[in-house]
Structures are given as C-alpha cells and as structure tokens.
Amino acid sequence: RDNVKKTVYLQMNSLKPEDTAVYYCAAKWTPSPSEV
C-alpha cells in the first residue's frame, strides 16, 4: 500500500488458471495500526 497515493496493490506472479476470478478490494477502519 501507498498511504500517500491512497492506493493498495496486489502483485500477482506465476499466475495459474485457478486464479481466474473477479478480484475485489475492501476497506475497514481499524483502531490498531497492525490489525489485519
């Protein structure tokens, strides 16, 4: 992620046919800086 550009990235390498899908990003405010 780049918090200045307000952008999150997903670099996908060695792609396989089973990776075929619609990909969605999602966001949620969290109180903890390290929470996933």
ModelCIF file with pLDDT and N, C-alpha, C, O atoms, coordinates in Angstrom:
data_MODEL
#
_entry.id   MODEL 
#
_entity.id                         1 
_entity.type                       polymer 
_entity.pdbx_number_of_molecules   1 
#
_entity_poly.entity_id                      1 
_entity_poly.type                           'polypeptide(L)' 
_entity_poly.nstd_linkage                   no 
_entity_poly.nstd_monomer                   no 
_entity_poly.pdbx_seq_one_letter_code       RDNVKKTVYLQMNSLKPEDTAVYYCAAKWTPSPSEV 
_entity_poly.pdbx_seq_one_letter_code_can   RDNVKKTVYLQMNSLKPEDTAVYYCAAKWTPSPSEV 
_entity_poly.pdbx_strand_id                 A 
#
loop_
_entity_poly_seq.entity_id 
_entity_poly_seq.num 
_entity_poly_seq.mon_id 
_entity_poly_seq.hetero 
1 1  ARG n 
1 2  ASP n 
1 3  ASN n 
1 4  VAL n 
1 5  LYS n 
1 6  LYS n 
1 7  THR n 
1 8  VAL n 
1 9  TYR n 
1 10 LEU n 
1 11 GLN n 
1 12 MET n 
1 13 ASN n 
1 14 SER n 
1 15 LEU n 
1 16 LYS n 
1 17 PRO n 
1 18 GLU n 
1 19 ASP n 
1 20 THR n 
1 21 ALA n 
1 22 VAL n 
1 23 TYR n 
1 24 TYR n 
1 25 CYS n 
1 26 ALA n 
1 27 ALA n 
1 28 LYS n 
1 29 TRP n 
1 30 THR n 
1 31 PRO n 
1 32 SER n 
1 33 PRO n 
1 34 SER n 
1 35 GLU n 
1 36 VAL n 
#
_struct_asym.id          A 
_struct_asym.entity_id   1 
#
loop_
_ma_qa_metric.id 
_ma_qa_metric.mode 
_ma_qa_metric.name 
_ma_qa_metric.software_group_id 
_ma_qa_metric.type 
1 global pLDDT . pLDDT 
2 local  pLDDT . pLDDT 
#
_ma_qa_metric_global.metric_id      1 
_ma_qa_metric_global.metric_value   96.44 
_ma_qa_metric_global.model_id       1 
_ma_qa_metric_global.ordinal_id     1 
#
loop_
_ma_qa_metric_local.label_asym_id 
_ma_qa_metric_local.label_comp_id 
_ma_qa_metric_local.label_seq_id 
_ma_qa_metric_local.metric_id 
_ma_qa_metric_local.metric_value 
_ma_qa_metric_local.model_id 
_ma_qa_metric_local.ordinal_id 
A ARG 1  2 98.00 1 1  
A ASP 2  2 97.00 1 2  
A ASN 3  2 95.00 1 3  
A VAL 4  2 95.00 1 4  
A LYS 5  2 96.00 1 5  
A LYS 6  2 96.00 1 6  
A THR 7  2 97.00 1 7  
A VAL 8  2 98.00 1 8  
A TYR 9  2 98.00 1 9  
A LEU 10 2 98.00 1 10 
A GLN 11 2 98.00 1 11 
A MET 12 2 98.00 1 12 
A ASN 13 2 98.00 1 13 
A SER 14 2 98.00 1 14 
A LEU 15 2 98.00 1 15 
A LYS 16 2 98.00 1 16 
A PRO 17 2 97.00 1 17 
A GLU 18 2 97.00 1 18 
A ASP 19 2 98.00 1 19 
A THR 20 2 98.00 1 20 
A ALA 21 2 98.00 1 21 
A VAL 22 2 98.00 1 22 
A TYR 23 2 98.00 1 23 
A TYR 24 2 98.00 1 24 
A CYS 25 2 98.00 1 25 
A ALA 26 2 98.00 1 26 
A ALA 27 2 97.00 1 27 
A LYS 28 2 95.00 1 28 
A TRP 29 2 94.00 1 29 
A THR 30 2 92.00 1 30 
A PRO 31 2 92.00 1 31 
A SER 32 2 93.00 1 32 
A PRO 33 2 92.00 1 33 
A SER 34 2 94.00 1 34 
A GLU 35 2 94.00 1 35 
A VAL 36 2 95.00 1 36 
#
loop_
_atom_site.group_PDB 
_atom_site.id 
_atom_site.type_symbol 
_atom_site.label_atom_id 
_atom_site.label_alt_id 
_atom_site.label_comp_id 
_atom_site.label_asym_id 
_atom_site.label_entity_id 
_atom_site.label_seq_id 
_atom_site.pdbx_PDB_ins_code 
_atom_site.Cartn_x 
_atom_site.Cartn_y 
_atom_site.Cartn_z 
_atom_site.occupancy 
_atom_site.B_iso_or_equiv 
_atom_site.pdbx_formal_charge 
_atom_site.auth_seq_id 
_atom_site.auth_comp_id 
_atom_site.auth_asym_id 
_atom_site.auth_atom_id 
_atom_site.pdbx_PDB_model_num 
ATOM 1   N N  . ARG A 1 1  ? 0.835   -1.199  0.000   1.00 98.00 ? 1  ARG A N  1 
ATOM 2   C CA . ARG A 1 1  ? 0.000   0.000   0.000   1.00 98.00 ? 1  ARG A CA 1 
ATOM 3   C C  . ARG A 1 1  ? 0.867   1.245   0.000   1.00 98.00 ? 1  ARG A C  1 
ATOM 4   O O  . ARG A 1 1  ? 2.009   1.236   0.461   1.00 98.00 ? 1  ARG A O  1 
ATOM 5   N N  . ASP A 1 2  ? 0.293   2.320   -0.532  1.00 97.00 ? 2  ASP A N  1 
ATOM 6   C CA . ASP A 1 2  ? 0.920   3.635   -0.535  1.00 97.00 ? 2  ASP A CA 1 
ATOM 7   C C  . ASP A 1 2  ? -0.101  4.584   0.070   1.00 97.00 ? 2  ASP A C  1 
ATOM 8   O O  . ASP A 1 2  ? -1.074  4.959   -0.585  1.00 97.00 ? 2  ASP A O  1 
ATOM 9   N N  . ASN A 1 3  ? 0.121   4.969   1.313   1.00 95.00 ? 3  ASN A N  1 
ATOM 10  C CA . ASN A 1 3  ? -0.870  5.801   2.003   1.00 95.00 ? 3  ASN A CA 1 
ATOM 11  C C  . ASN A 1 3  ? -0.890  7.238   1.483   1.00 95.00 ? 3  ASN A C  1 
ATOM 12  O O  . ASN A 1 3  ? -1.873  7.952   1.679   1.00 95.00 ? 3  ASN A O  1 
ATOM 13  N N  . VAL A 1 4  ? 0.170   7.660   0.833   1.00 95.00 ? 4  VAL A N  1 
ATOM 14  C CA . VAL A 1 4  ? 0.164   8.994   0.228   1.00 95.00 ? 4  VAL A CA 1 
ATOM 15  C C  . VAL A 1 4  ? -0.715  8.986   -1.019  1.00 95.00 ? 4  VAL A C  1 
ATOM 16  O O  . VAL A 1 4  ? -1.507  9.904   -1.232  1.00 95.00 ? 4  VAL A O  1 
ATOM 17  N N  . LYS A 1 5  ? -0.573  7.952   -1.838  1.00 96.00 ? 5  LYS A N  1 
ATOM 18  C CA . LYS A 1 5  ? -1.387  7.828   -3.053  1.00 96.00 ? 5  LYS A CA 1 
ATOM 19  C C  . LYS A 1 5  ? -2.759  7.221   -2.776  1.00 96.00 ? 5  LYS A C  1 
ATOM 20  O O  . LYS A 1 5  ? -3.600  7.152   -3.672  1.00 96.00 ? 5  LYS A O  1 
ATOM 21  N N  . LYS A 1 6  ? -2.990  6.779   -1.534  1.00 96.00 ? 6  LYS A N  1 
ATOM 22  C CA . LYS A 1 6  ? -4.275  6.155   -1.168  1.00 96.00 ? 6  LYS A CA 1 
ATOM 23  C C  . LYS A 1 6  ? -4.576  4.979   -2.088  1.00 96.00 ? 6  LYS A C  1 
ATOM 24  O O  . LYS A 1 6  ? -5.684  4.843   -2.606  1.00 96.00 ? 6  LYS A O  1 
ATOM 25  N N  . THR A 1 7  ? -3.584  4.146   -2.277  1.00 97.00 ? 7  THR A N  1 
ATOM 26  C CA . THR A 1 7  ? -3.730  3.024   -3.189  1.00 97.00 ? 7  THR A CA 1 
ATOM 27  C C  . THR A 1 7  ? -3.164  1.763   -2.556  1.00 97.00 ? 7  THR A C  1 
ATOM 28  O O  . THR A 1 7  ? -2.121  1.792   -1.902  1.00 97.00 ? 7  THR A O  1 
ATOM 29  N N  . VAL A 1 8  ? -3.864  0.659   -2.761  1.00 98.00 ? 8  VAL A N  1 
ATOM 30  C CA . VAL A 1 8  ? -3.355  -0.647  -2.358  1.00 98.00 ? 8  VAL A CA 1 
ATOM 31  C C  . VAL A 1 8  ? -3.143  -1.472  -3.623  1.00 98.00 ? 8  VAL A C  1 
ATOM 32  O O  . VAL A 1 8  ? -3.907  -1.374  -4.583  1.00 98.00 ? 8  VAL A O  1 
ATOM 33  N N  . TYR A 1 9  ? -2.094  -2.282  -3.605  1.00 98.00 ? 9  TYR A N  1 
ATOM 34  C CA . TYR A 1 9  ? -1.707  -3.047  -4.778  1.00 98.00 ? 9  TYR A CA 1 
ATOM 35  C C  . TYR A 1 9  ? -1.731  -4.540  -4.474  1.00 98.00 ? 9  TYR A C  1 
ATOM 36  O O  . TYR A 1 9  ? -1.594  -4.961  -3.326  1.00 98.00 ? 9  TYR A O  1 
ATOM 37  N N  . LEU A 1 10 ? -1.907  -5.326  -5.525  1.00 98.00 ? 10 LEU A N  1 
ATOM 38  C CA . LEU A 1 10 ? -1.742  -6.767  -5.428  1.00 98.00 ? 10 LEU A CA 1 
ATOM 39  C C  . LEU A 1 10 ? -0.899  -7.197  -6.624  1.00 98.00 ? 10 LEU A C  1 
ATOM 40  O O  . LEU A 1 10 ? -1.384  -7.255  -7.754  1.00 98.00 ? 10 LEU A O  1 
ATOM 41  N N  . GLN A 1 11 ? 0.357   -7.494  -6.359  1.00 98.00 ? 11 GLN A N  1 
ATOM 42  C CA . GLN A 1 11 ? 1.248   -8.014  -7.393  1.00 98.00 ? 11 GLN A CA 1 
ATOM 43  C C  . GLN A 1 11 ? 1.051   -9.516  -7.479  1.00 98.00 ? 11 GLN A C  1 
ATOM 44  O O  . GLN A 1 11 ? 1.229   -10.229 -6.491  1.00 98.00 ? 11 GLN A O  1 
ATOM 45  N N  . MET A 1 12 ? 0.687   -9.994  -8.650  1.00 98.00 ? 12 MET A N  1 
ATOM 46  C CA . MET A 1 12 ? 0.385   -11.410 -8.838  1.00 98.00 ? 12 MET A CA 1 
ATOM 47  C C  . MET A 1 12 ? 1.358   -11.995 -9.848  1.00 98.00 ? 12 MET A C  1 
ATOM 48  O O  . MET A 1 12 ? 1.355   -11.614 -11.019 1.00 98.00 ? 12 MET A O  1 
ATOM 49  N N  . ASN A 1 13 ? 2.180   -12.911 -9.395  1.00 98.00 ? 13 ASN A N  1 
ATOM 50  C CA . ASN A 1 13 ? 3.154   -13.576 -10.248 1.00 98.00 ? 13 ASN A CA 1 
ATOM 51  C C  . ASN A 1 13 ? 2.829   -15.060 -10.362 1.00 98.00 ? 13 ASN A C  1 
ATOM 52  O O  . ASN A 1 13 ? 2.054   -15.603 -9.575  1.00 98.00 ? 13 ASN A O  1 
ATOM 53  N N  . SER A 1 14 ? 3.430   -15.702 -11.350 1.00 98.00 ? 14 SER A N  1 
ATOM 54  C CA . SER A 1 14 ? 3.241   -17.152 -11.563 1.00 98.00 ? 14 SER A CA 1 
ATOM 55  C C  . SER A 1 14 ? 1.758   -17.511 -11.543 1.00 98.00 ? 14 SER A C  1 
ATOM 56  O O  . SER A 1 14 ? 1.341   -18.452 -10.867 1.00 98.00 ? 14 SER A O  1 
ATOM 57  N N  . LEU A 1 15 ? 0.983   -16.756 -12.287 1.00 98.00 ? 15 LEU A N  1 
ATOM 58  C CA . LEU A 1 15 ? -0.462  -16.954 -12.278 1.00 98.00 ? 15 LEU A CA 1 
ATOM 59  C C  . LEU A 1 15 ? -0.852  -18.316 -12.830 1.00 98.00 ? 15 LEU A C  1 
ATOM 60  O O  . LEU A 1 15 ? -0.206  -18.860 -13.726 1.00 98.00 ? 15 LEU A O  1 
ATOM 61  N N  . LYS A 1 16 ? -1.925  -18.843 -12.267 1.00 98.00 ? 16 LYS A N  1 
ATOM 62  C CA . LYS A 1 16 ? -2.443  -20.151 -12.654 1.00 98.00 ? 16 LYS A CA 1 
ATOM 63  C C  . LYS A 1 16 ? -3.889  -20.001 -13.120 1.00 98.00 ? 16 LYS A C  1 
ATOM 64  O O  . LYS A 1 16 ? -4.564  -19.047 -12.734 1.00 98.00 ? 16 LYS A O  1 
ATOM 65  N N  . PRO A 1 17 ? -4.369  -20.923 -13.938 1.00 97.00 ? 17 PRO A N  1 
ATOM 66  C CA . PRO A 1 17 ? -5.775  -20.834 -14.369 1.00 97.00 ? 17 PRO A CA 1 
ATOM 67  C C  . PRO A 1 17 ? -6.748  -20.769 -13.193 1.00 97.00 ? 17 PRO A C  1 
ATOM 68  O O  . PRO A 1 17 ? -7.798  -20.136 -13.298 1.00 97.00 ? 17 PRO A O  1 
ATOM 69  N N  . GLU A 1 18 ? -6.417  -21.405 -12.092 1.00 97.00 ? 18 GLU A N  1 
ATOM 70  C CA . GLU A 1 18 ? -7.324  -21.379 -10.934 1.00 97.00 ? 18 GLU A CA 1 
ATOM 71  C C  . GLU A 1 18 ? -7.347  -20.029 -10.219 1.00 97.00 ? 18 GLU A C  1 
ATOM 72  O O  . GLU A 1 18 ? -8.130  -19.837 -9.289  1.00 97.00 ? 18 GLU A O  1 
ATOM 73  N N  . ASP A 1 19 ? -6.500  -19.095 -10.642 1.00 98.00 ? 19 ASP A N  1 
ATOM 74  C CA . ASP A 1 19 ? -6.564  -17.729 -10.113 1.00 98.00 ? 19 ASP A CA 1 
ATOM 75  C C  . ASP A 1 19 ? -7.613  -16.892 -10.831 1.00 98.00 ? 19 ASP A C  1 
ATOM 76  O O  . ASP A 1 19 ? -7.882  -15.756 -10.440 1.00 98.00 ? 19 ASP A O  1 
ATOM 77  N N  . THR A 1 20 ? -8.203  -17.454 -11.879 1.00 98.00 ? 20 THR A N  1 
ATOM 78  C CA . THR A 1 20 ? -9.227  -16.723 -12.629 1.00 98.00 ? 20 THR A CA 1 
ATOM 79  C C  . THR A 1 20 ? -10.415 -16.396 -11.744 1.00 98.00 ? 20 THR A C  1 
ATOM 80  O O  . THR A 1 20 ? -10.999 -17.281 -11.118 1.00 98.00 ? 20 THR A O  1 
ATOM 81  N N  . ALA A 1 21 ? -10.768 -15.124 -11.696 1.00 98.00 ? 21 ALA A N  1 
ATOM 82  C CA . ALA A 1 21 ? -11.863 -14.659 -10.837 1.00 98.00 ? 21 ALA A CA 1 
ATOM 83  C C  . ALA A 1 21 ? -12.040 -13.159 -11.012 1.00 98.00 ? 21 ALA A C  1 
ATOM 84  O O  . ALA A 1 21 ? -11.228 -12.490 -11.651 1.00 98.00 ? 21 ALA A O  1 
ATOM 85  N N  . VAL A 1 22 ? -13.105 -12.651 -10.438 1.00 98.00 ? 22 VAL A N  1 
ATOM 86  C CA . VAL A 1 22 ? -13.233 -11.210 -10.254 1.00 98.00 ? 22 VAL A CA 1 
ATOM 87  C C  . VAL A 1 22 ? -12.575 -10.871 -8.918  1.00 98.00 ? 22 VAL A C  1 
ATOM 88  O O  . VAL A 1 22 ? -12.887 -11.471 -7.890  1.00 98.00 ? 22 VAL A O  1 
ATOM 89  N N  . TYR A 1 23 ? -11.669 -9.909  -8.948  1.00 98.00 ? 23 TYR A N  1 
ATOM 90  C CA . TYR A 1 23 ? -10.931 -9.518  -7.757  1.00 98.00 ? 23 TYR A CA 1 
ATOM 91  C C  . TYR A 1 23 ? -11.503 -8.212  -7.210  1.00 98.00 ? 23 TYR A C  1 
ATOM 92  O O  . TYR A 1 23 ? -11.709 -7.246  -7.944  1.00 98.00 ? 23 TYR A O  1 
ATOM 93  N N  . TYR A 1 24 ? -11.753 -8.210  -5.912  1.00 98.00 ? 24 TYR A N  1 
ATOM 94  C CA . TYR A 1 24 ? -12.332 -7.054  -5.230  1.00 98.00 ? 24 TYR A CA 1 
ATOM 95  C C  . TYR A 1 24 ? -11.386 -6.556  -4.146  1.00 98.00 ? 24 TYR A C  1 
ATOM 96  O O  . TYR A 1 24 ? -10.742 -7.351  -3.461  1.00 98.00 ? 24 TYR A O  1 
ATOM 97  N N  . CYS A 1 25 ? -11.307 -5.254  -3.996  1.00 98.00 ? 25 CYS A N  1 
ATOM 98  C CA . CYS A 1 25 ? -10.619 -4.732  -2.821  1.00 98.00 ? 25 CYS A CA 1 
ATOM 99  C C  . CYS A 1 25 ? -11.661 -4.249  -1.821  1.00 98.00 ? 25 CYS A C  1 
ATOM 100 O O  . CYS A 1 25 ? -12.792 -3.925  -2.180  1.00 98.00 ? 25 CYS A O  1 
ATOM 101 N N  . ALA A 1 26 ? -11.253 -4.211  -0.569  1.00 98.00 ? 26 ALA A N  1 
ATOM 102 C CA . ALA A 1 26 ? -12.154 -3.854  0.513   1.00 98.00 ? 26 ALA A CA 1 
ATOM 103 C C  . ALA A 1 26 ? -11.399 -3.065  1.569   1.00 98.00 ? 26 ALA A C  1 
ATOM 104 O O  . ALA A 1 26 ? -10.181 -3.185  1.704   1.00 98.00 ? 26 ALA A O  1 
ATOM 105 N N  . ALA A 1 27 ? -12.148 -2.252  2.321   1.00 97.00 ? 27 ALA A N  1 
ATOM 106 C CA . ALA A 1 27 ? -11.544 -1.393  3.344   1.00 97.00 ? 27 ALA A CA 1 
ATOM 107 C C  . ALA A 1 27 ? -12.377 -1.405  4.614   1.00 97.00 ? 27 ALA A C  1 
ATOM 108 O O  . ALA A 1 27 ? -13.600 -1.544  4.584   1.00 97.00 ? 27 ALA A O  1 
ATOM 109 N N  . LYS A 1 28 ? -11.669 -1.252  5.742   1.00 95.00 ? 28 LYS A N  1 
ATOM 110 C CA . LYS A 1 28 ? -12.356 -1.142  7.031   1.00 95.00 ? 28 LYS A CA 1 
ATOM 111 C C  . LYS A 1 28 ? -11.478 -0.363  7.991   1.00 95.00 ? 28 LYS A C  1 
ATOM 112 O O  . LYS A 1 28 ? -10.310 -0.697  8.187   1.00 95.00 ? 28 LYS A O  1 
ATOM 113 N N  . TRP A 1 29 ? -12.041 0.674   8.586   1.00 94.00 ? 29 TRP A N  1 
ATOM 114 C CA . TRP A 1 29 ? -11.293 1.416   9.602   1.00 94.00 ? 29 TRP A CA 1 
ATOM 115 C C  . TRP A 1 29 ? -10.945 0.483   10.758  1.00 94.00 ? 29 TRP A C  1 
ATOM 116 O O  . TRP A 1 29 ? -11.791 -0.289  11.211  1.00 94.00 ? 29 TRP A O  1 
ATOM 117 N N  . THR A 1 30 ? -9.703  0.550   11.236  1.00 92.00 ? 30 THR A N  1 
ATOM 118 C CA . THR A 1 30 ? -9.293  -0.270  12.361  1.00 92.00 ? 30 THR A CA 1 
ATOM 119 C C  . THR A 1 30 ? -8.609  0.600   13.418  1.00 92.00 ? 30 THR A C  1 
ATOM 120 O O  . THR A 1 30 ? -7.865  1.519   13.076  1.00 92.00 ? 30 THR A O  1 
ATOM 121 N N  . PRO A 1 31 ? -8.856  0.316   14.696  1.00 92.00 ? 31 PRO A N  1 
ATOM 122 C CA . PRO A 1 31 ? -8.221  1.112   15.745  1.00 92.00 ? 31 PRO A CA 1 
ATOM 123 C C  . PRO A 1 31 ? -6.738  0.822   15.905  1.00 92.00 ? 31 PRO A C  1 
ATOM 124 O O  . PRO A 1 31 ? -5.974  1.682   16.345  1.00 92.00 ? 31 PRO A O  1 
ATOM 125 N N  . SER A 1 32 ? -6.330  -0.396  15.546  1.00 93.00 ? 32 SER A N  1 
ATOM 126 C CA . SER A 1 32 ? -4.947  -0.798  15.719  1.00 93.00 ? 32 SER A CA 1 
ATOM 127 C C  . SER A 1 32 ? -4.174  -0.658  14.415  1.00 93.00 ? 32 SER A C  1 
ATOM 128 O O  . SER A 1 32 ? -4.662  -1.079  13.367  1.00 93.00 ? 32 SER A O  1 
ATOM 129 N N  . PRO A 1 33 ? -2.976  -0.075  14.457  1.00 92.00 ? 33 PRO A N  1 
ATOM 130 C CA . PRO A 1 33 ? -2.193  0.096   13.221  1.00 92.00 ? 33 PRO A CA 1 
ATOM 131 C C  . PRO A 1 33 ? -1.762  -1.221  12.599  1.00 92.00 ? 33 PRO A C  1 
ATOM 132 O O  . PRO A 1 33 ? -1.478  -1.266  11.402  1.00 92.00 ? 33 PRO A O  1 
ATOM 133 N N  . SER A 1 34 ? -1.707  -2.293  13.380  1.00 94.00 ? 34 SER A N  1 
ATOM 134 C CA . SER A 1 34 ? -1.191  -3.556  12.860  1.00 94.00 ? 34 SER A CA 1 
ATOM 135 C C  . SER A 1 34 ? -2.263  -4.619  12.628  1.00 94.00 ? 34 SER A C  1 
ATOM 136 O O  . SER A 1 34 ? -1.942  -5.763  12.305  1.00 94.00 ? 34 SER A O  1 
ATOM 137 N N  . GLU A 1 35 ? -3.513  -4.251  12.788  1.00 94.00 ? 35 GLU A N  1 
ATOM 138 C CA . GLU A 1 35 ? -4.587  -5.232  12.643  1.00 94.00 ? 35 GLU A CA 1 
ATOM 139 C C  . GLU A 1 35 ? -4.833  -5.574  11.186  1.00 94.00 ? 35 GLU A C  1 
ATOM 140 O O  . GLU A 1 35 ? -4.861  -4.692  10.327  1.00 94.00 ? 35 GLU A O  1 
ATOM 141 N N  . VAL A 1 36 ? -5.012  -6.873  10.909  1.00 95.00 ? 36 VAL A N  1 
ATOM 142 C CA . VAL A 1 36 ? -5.394  -7.329  9.577   1.00 95.00 ? 36 VAL A CA 1 
ATOM 143 C C  . VAL A 1 36 ? -6.743  -8.030  9.684   1.00 95.00 ? 36 VAL A C  1 
ATOM 144 O O  . VAL A 1 36 ? -7.274  -8.504  8.680   1.00 95.00 ? 36 VAL A O  1 
#
